[in-house]
Amino acid sequence: MVVGVLVLELGLMGCHSLKDKRSILRSLVEKARHDFHVSIAEVGDHEIWSQAVVCASVPSTDAAHALEVLQSVERLFGEHHAVEITNAFRDMWRP
C-alpha cells in the first residue's frame, strides 16, 4: 500500500473577500473529491484572501496510480483562471 500526498500553495487572483476565496476553493475541492476520489482540504492561509494551501491524499496499491491521480488534481487547480500554483509538493508514503 502507498499513500500519495500533494500540497499546493496557491495564489488567488481577483479575490476581494474571504467569500470570494471560499467560493473558488469550494468549487475546486468538491470537483477534486468527486472526479478523483481524493481526500482534500484547505490546510493553511485560512484568513488571507489572495492565498491558500490545500492538501490532497490518495491511498493506492500502486505508486504510479497515486501519482497519476495527484497530477490530475494539480492540473485541475492549475487550469482554473483565478488560481496560480506558486508551489507544489508531492510525496509517497509507505506505511
N, C-alpha and C. Protein backbone atom coordinates (compact mmCIF):
# COMPACT_ATOMS: atom_id res chain seq x y z
N MET A 1 0.84 -1.18 0.00
CA MET A 1 0.00 0.00 0.00
C MET A 1 0.89 1.24 0.00
N VAL A 2 0.41 2.29 -0.66
CA VAL A 2 1.08 3.58 -0.70
C VAL A 2 0.03 4.67 -0.54
N VAL A 3 0.42 5.76 0.12
CA VAL A 3 -0.45 6.92 0.25
C VAL A 3 0.25 8.09 -0.43
N GLY A 4 -0.37 8.62 -1.46
CA GLY A 4 0.18 9.78 -2.15
C GLY A 4 -0.35 11.05 -1.52
N VAL A 5 0.55 12.02 -1.35
CA VAL A 5 0.19 13.29 -0.73
C VAL A 5 0.63 14.43 -1.66
N LEU A 6 -0.27 15.39 -1.83
CA LEU A 6 0.01 16.58 -2.64
C LEU A 6 -0.33 17.81 -1.83
N VAL A 7 0.63 18.73 -1.72
CA VAL A 7 0.39 20.02 -1.07
C VAL A 7 0.57 21.10 -2.12
N LEU A 8 -0.44 21.93 -2.28
CA LEU A 8 -0.40 23.03 -3.25
C LEU A 8 -0.49 24.36 -2.53
N GLU A 9 0.48 25.24 -2.80
CA GLU A 9 0.39 26.62 -2.33
C GLU A 9 -0.16 27.41 -3.51
N LEU A 10 -1.21 28.16 -3.27
CA LEU A 10 -1.95 28.81 -4.35
C LEU A 10 -1.98 30.32 -4.18
N GLY A 11 -1.91 31.01 -5.30
CA GLY A 11 -2.22 32.43 -5.36
C GLY A 11 -3.59 32.55 -6.00
N LEU A 12 -4.45 33.35 -5.41
CA LEU A 12 -5.81 33.51 -5.92
C LEU A 12 -6.00 34.93 -6.43
N MET A 13 -6.20 35.06 -7.73
CA MET A 13 -6.37 36.37 -8.34
C MET A 13 -7.83 36.79 -8.33
N GLY A 14 -8.06 38.04 -8.11
CA GLY A 14 -9.42 38.58 -8.19
C GLY A 14 -10.25 38.36 -6.95
N CYS A 15 -9.66 37.89 -5.87
CA CYS A 15 -10.41 37.70 -4.63
C CYS A 15 -10.37 38.98 -3.81
N HIS A 16 -11.56 39.49 -3.47
CA HIS A 16 -11.65 40.73 -2.70
C HIS A 16 -12.22 40.49 -1.31
N SER A 17 -12.49 39.22 -1.00
CA SER A 17 -13.02 38.88 0.32
C SER A 17 -12.80 37.39 0.56
N LEU A 18 -12.98 36.99 1.80
CA LEU A 18 -12.91 35.57 2.11
C LEU A 18 -14.04 34.80 1.42
N LYS A 19 -15.16 35.48 1.20
CA LYS A 19 -16.28 34.84 0.49
C LYS A 19 -15.86 34.48 -0.94
N ASP A 20 -15.16 35.38 -1.62
CA ASP A 20 -14.65 35.08 -2.97
C ASP A 20 -13.70 33.88 -2.93
N LYS A 21 -12.79 33.90 -1.96
CA LYS A 21 -11.82 32.82 -1.82
C LYS A 21 -12.53 31.48 -1.59
N ARG A 22 -13.45 31.46 -0.66
CA ARG A 22 -14.16 30.23 -0.33
C ARG A 22 -14.95 29.70 -1.53
N SER A 23 -15.51 30.60 -2.31
CA SER A 23 -16.27 30.19 -3.49
C SER A 23 -15.38 29.44 -4.48
N ILE A 24 -14.21 29.98 -4.76
CA ILE A 24 -13.28 29.34 -5.69
C ILE A 24 -12.81 28.01 -5.13
N LEU A 25 -12.35 28.02 -3.88
CA LEU A 25 -11.81 26.79 -3.29
C LEU A 25 -12.86 25.70 -3.14
N ARG A 26 -14.05 26.08 -2.70
CA ARG A 26 -15.12 25.08 -2.50
C ARG A 26 -15.40 24.36 -3.82
N SER A 27 -15.49 25.12 -4.89
CA SER A 27 -15.77 24.53 -6.19
C SER A 27 -14.68 23.54 -6.61
N LEU A 28 -13.42 23.94 -6.48
CA LEU A 28 -12.31 23.09 -6.89
C LEU A 28 -12.16 21.86 -5.98
N VAL A 29 -12.31 22.06 -4.69
CA VAL A 29 -12.18 20.95 -3.74
C VAL A 29 -13.27 19.91 -3.99
N GLU A 30 -14.50 20.36 -4.17
CA GLU A 30 -15.59 19.41 -4.42
C GLU A 30 -15.40 18.67 -5.75
N LYS A 31 -14.93 19.37 -6.77
CA LYS A 31 -14.69 18.73 -8.06
C LYS A 31 -13.58 17.68 -7.93
N ALA A 32 -12.52 18.00 -7.20
CA ALA A 32 -11.42 17.03 -6.99
C ALA A 32 -11.92 15.80 -6.24
N ARG A 33 -12.72 16.03 -5.21
CA ARG A 33 -13.28 14.89 -4.45
C ARG A 33 -14.13 14.00 -5.35
N HIS A 34 -15.00 14.62 -6.12
CA HIS A 34 -15.93 13.88 -6.96
C HIS A 34 -15.22 13.17 -8.12
N ASP A 35 -14.36 13.90 -8.83
CA ASP A 35 -13.75 13.35 -10.04
C ASP A 35 -12.61 12.38 -9.75
N PHE A 36 -11.83 12.63 -8.69
CA PHE A 36 -10.62 11.85 -8.47
C PHE A 36 -10.63 11.03 -7.17
N HIS A 37 -11.69 11.14 -6.39
CA HIS A 37 -11.85 10.36 -5.15
C HIS A 37 -10.67 10.52 -4.20
N VAL A 38 -10.27 11.77 -3.99
CA VAL A 38 -9.19 12.09 -3.06
C VAL A 38 -9.77 12.70 -1.79
N SER A 39 -9.00 12.62 -0.75
CA SER A 39 -9.30 13.37 0.46
C SER A 39 -8.57 14.69 0.32
N ILE A 40 -9.28 15.82 0.44
CA ILE A 40 -8.66 17.11 0.17
C ILE A 40 -9.28 18.18 1.07
N ALA A 41 -8.42 19.12 1.52
CA ALA A 41 -8.89 20.19 2.40
C ALA A 41 -7.94 21.37 2.31
N GLU A 42 -8.48 22.54 2.65
CA GLU A 42 -7.63 23.72 2.81
C GLU A 42 -6.94 23.57 4.16
N VAL A 43 -5.61 23.70 4.17
CA VAL A 43 -4.85 23.44 5.40
C VAL A 43 -4.01 24.63 5.86
N GLY A 44 -4.04 25.74 5.12
CA GLY A 44 -3.24 26.88 5.53
C GLY A 44 -3.70 28.16 4.88
N ASP A 45 -3.20 29.29 5.42
CA ASP A 45 -3.53 30.63 4.92
C ASP A 45 -5.04 30.86 4.91
N HIS A 46 -5.71 30.42 5.95
CA HIS A 46 -7.17 30.49 6.01
C HIS A 46 -7.72 31.91 5.94
N GLU A 47 -7.04 32.86 6.51
CA GLU A 47 -7.59 34.22 6.60
C GLU A 47 -6.99 35.18 5.57
N ILE A 48 -6.15 34.68 4.67
CA ILE A 48 -5.54 35.54 3.65
C ILE A 48 -6.35 35.38 2.36
N TRP A 49 -6.91 36.48 1.88
CA TRP A 49 -7.80 36.44 0.71
C TRP A 49 -7.12 35.91 -0.54
N SER A 50 -5.87 36.29 -0.75
CA SER A 50 -5.22 36.02 -2.03
C SER A 50 -4.34 34.78 -2.02
N GLN A 51 -4.36 34.00 -0.94
CA GLN A 51 -3.52 32.80 -0.86
C GLN A 51 -4.30 31.65 -0.23
N ALA A 52 -3.85 30.45 -0.55
CA ALA A 52 -4.42 29.26 0.08
C ALA A 52 -3.40 28.14 0.02
N VAL A 53 -3.52 27.22 0.94
CA VAL A 53 -2.74 25.99 0.90
C VAL A 53 -3.74 24.85 1.01
N VAL A 54 -3.69 23.94 0.04
CA VAL A 54 -4.56 22.77 0.08
C VAL A 54 -3.71 21.51 0.07
N CYS A 55 -4.25 20.47 0.68
CA CYS A 55 -3.56 19.19 0.73
C CYS A 55 -4.53 18.11 0.26
N ALA A 56 -4.04 17.25 -0.62
CA ALA A 56 -4.84 16.13 -1.11
C ALA A 56 -4.07 14.84 -0.85
N SER A 57 -4.81 13.78 -0.56
CA SER A 57 -4.16 12.48 -0.38
C SER A 57 -5.00 11.40 -1.03
N VAL A 58 -4.31 10.34 -1.45
CA VAL A 58 -5.00 9.22 -2.09
C VAL A 58 -4.27 7.93 -1.72
N PRO A 59 -5.00 6.96 -1.16
CA PRO A 59 -4.39 5.64 -0.93
C PRO A 59 -4.47 4.80 -2.20
N SER A 60 -3.48 3.95 -2.40
CA SER A 60 -3.48 3.11 -3.58
C SER A 60 -2.59 1.90 -3.34
N THR A 61 -2.74 0.91 -4.17
CA THR A 61 -1.84 -0.23 -4.13
C THR A 61 -0.65 -0.03 -5.05
N ASP A 62 -0.72 1.04 -5.87
CA ASP A 62 0.31 1.28 -6.87
C ASP A 62 0.75 2.74 -6.82
N ALA A 63 2.04 2.99 -6.63
CA ALA A 63 2.56 4.36 -6.55
C ALA A 63 2.33 5.13 -7.85
N ALA A 64 2.42 4.47 -8.98
CA ALA A 64 2.21 5.15 -10.26
C ALA A 64 0.77 5.64 -10.38
N HIS A 65 -0.18 4.84 -9.91
CA HIS A 65 -1.58 5.26 -9.94
C HIS A 65 -1.80 6.45 -9.02
N ALA A 66 -1.25 6.40 -7.82
CA ALA A 66 -1.39 7.51 -6.88
C ALA A 66 -0.80 8.79 -7.47
N LEU A 67 0.37 8.69 -8.09
CA LEU A 67 0.99 9.86 -8.71
C LEU A 67 0.13 10.41 -9.83
N GLU A 68 -0.45 9.54 -10.64
CA GLU A 68 -1.33 9.96 -11.74
C GLU A 68 -2.55 10.73 -11.21
N VAL A 69 -3.14 10.24 -10.13
CA VAL A 69 -4.30 10.91 -9.53
C VAL A 69 -3.89 12.29 -9.01
N LEU A 70 -2.77 12.35 -8.31
CA LEU A 70 -2.32 13.63 -7.76
C LEU A 70 -1.97 14.64 -8.85
N GLN A 71 -1.39 14.16 -9.94
CA GLN A 71 -1.11 15.05 -11.07
C GLN A 71 -2.40 15.58 -11.68
N SER A 72 -3.44 14.77 -11.71
CA SER A 72 -4.74 15.22 -12.22
C SER A 72 -5.33 16.31 -11.32
N VAL A 73 -5.19 16.15 -10.02
CA VAL A 73 -5.67 17.17 -9.08
C VAL A 73 -4.89 18.46 -9.28
N GLU A 74 -3.57 18.36 -9.41
CA GLU A 74 -2.75 19.55 -9.64
C GLU A 74 -3.15 20.24 -10.93
N ARG A 75 -3.40 19.47 -11.97
CA ARG A 75 -3.82 20.04 -13.26
C ARG A 75 -5.17 20.75 -13.13
N LEU A 76 -6.10 20.17 -12.37
CA LEU A 76 -7.41 20.78 -12.14
C LEU A 76 -7.25 22.18 -11.54
N PHE A 77 -6.42 22.30 -10.51
CA PHE A 77 -6.21 23.59 -9.87
C PHE A 77 -5.47 24.54 -10.80
N GLY A 78 -4.47 24.03 -11.51
CA GLY A 78 -3.66 24.88 -12.40
C GLY A 78 -4.41 25.42 -13.59
N GLU A 79 -5.47 24.75 -14.01
CA GLU A 79 -6.23 25.18 -15.18
C GLU A 79 -7.29 26.22 -14.85
N HIS A 80 -7.55 26.44 -13.56
CA HIS A 80 -8.57 27.43 -13.17
C HIS A 80 -8.04 28.83 -13.42
N HIS A 81 -8.85 29.69 -14.03
CA HIS A 81 -8.42 31.02 -14.44
C HIS A 81 -8.01 31.94 -13.29
N ALA A 82 -8.51 31.70 -12.10
CA ALA A 82 -8.22 32.58 -10.96
C ALA A 82 -7.18 32.00 -10.01
N VAL A 83 -6.57 30.88 -10.39
CA VAL A 83 -5.63 30.20 -9.49
C VAL A 83 -4.26 30.10 -10.13
N GLU A 84 -3.24 30.43 -9.34
CA GLU A 84 -1.86 30.24 -9.76
C GLU A 84 -1.20 29.33 -8.72
N ILE A 85 -0.62 28.23 -9.17
CA ILE A 85 0.10 27.35 -8.26
C ILE A 85 1.49 27.95 -8.05
N THR A 86 1.77 28.39 -6.83
CA THR A 86 3.06 29.00 -6.54
C THR A 86 4.08 27.98 -6.05
N ASN A 87 3.60 26.86 -5.53
CA ASN A 87 4.49 25.80 -5.08
C ASN A 87 3.69 24.50 -5.00
N ALA A 88 4.33 23.41 -5.36
CA ALA A 88 3.68 22.10 -5.28
C ALA A 88 4.66 21.10 -4.70
N PHE A 89 4.16 20.26 -3.81
CA PHE A 89 4.98 19.24 -3.18
C PHE A 89 4.23 17.93 -3.24
N ARG A 90 4.87 16.90 -3.77
CA ARG A 90 4.28 15.57 -3.84
C ARG A 90 5.17 14.59 -3.09
N ASP A 91 4.54 13.64 -2.41
CA ASP A 91 5.31 12.61 -1.70
C ASP A 91 4.50 11.33 -1.67
N MET A 92 5.20 10.22 -1.60
CA MET A 92 4.57 8.91 -1.46
C MET A 92 4.99 8.35 -0.11
N TRP A 93 4.01 7.92 0.65
CA TRP A 93 4.26 7.38 1.98
C TRP A 93 3.88 5.91 1.98
N ARG A 94 4.79 5.07 2.44
CA ARG A 94 4.54 3.64 2.53
C ARG A 94 4.52 3.23 4.00
N PRO A 95 3.33 2.92 4.53
CA PRO A 95 3.25 2.54 5.94
C PRO A 95 3.91 1.20 6.22
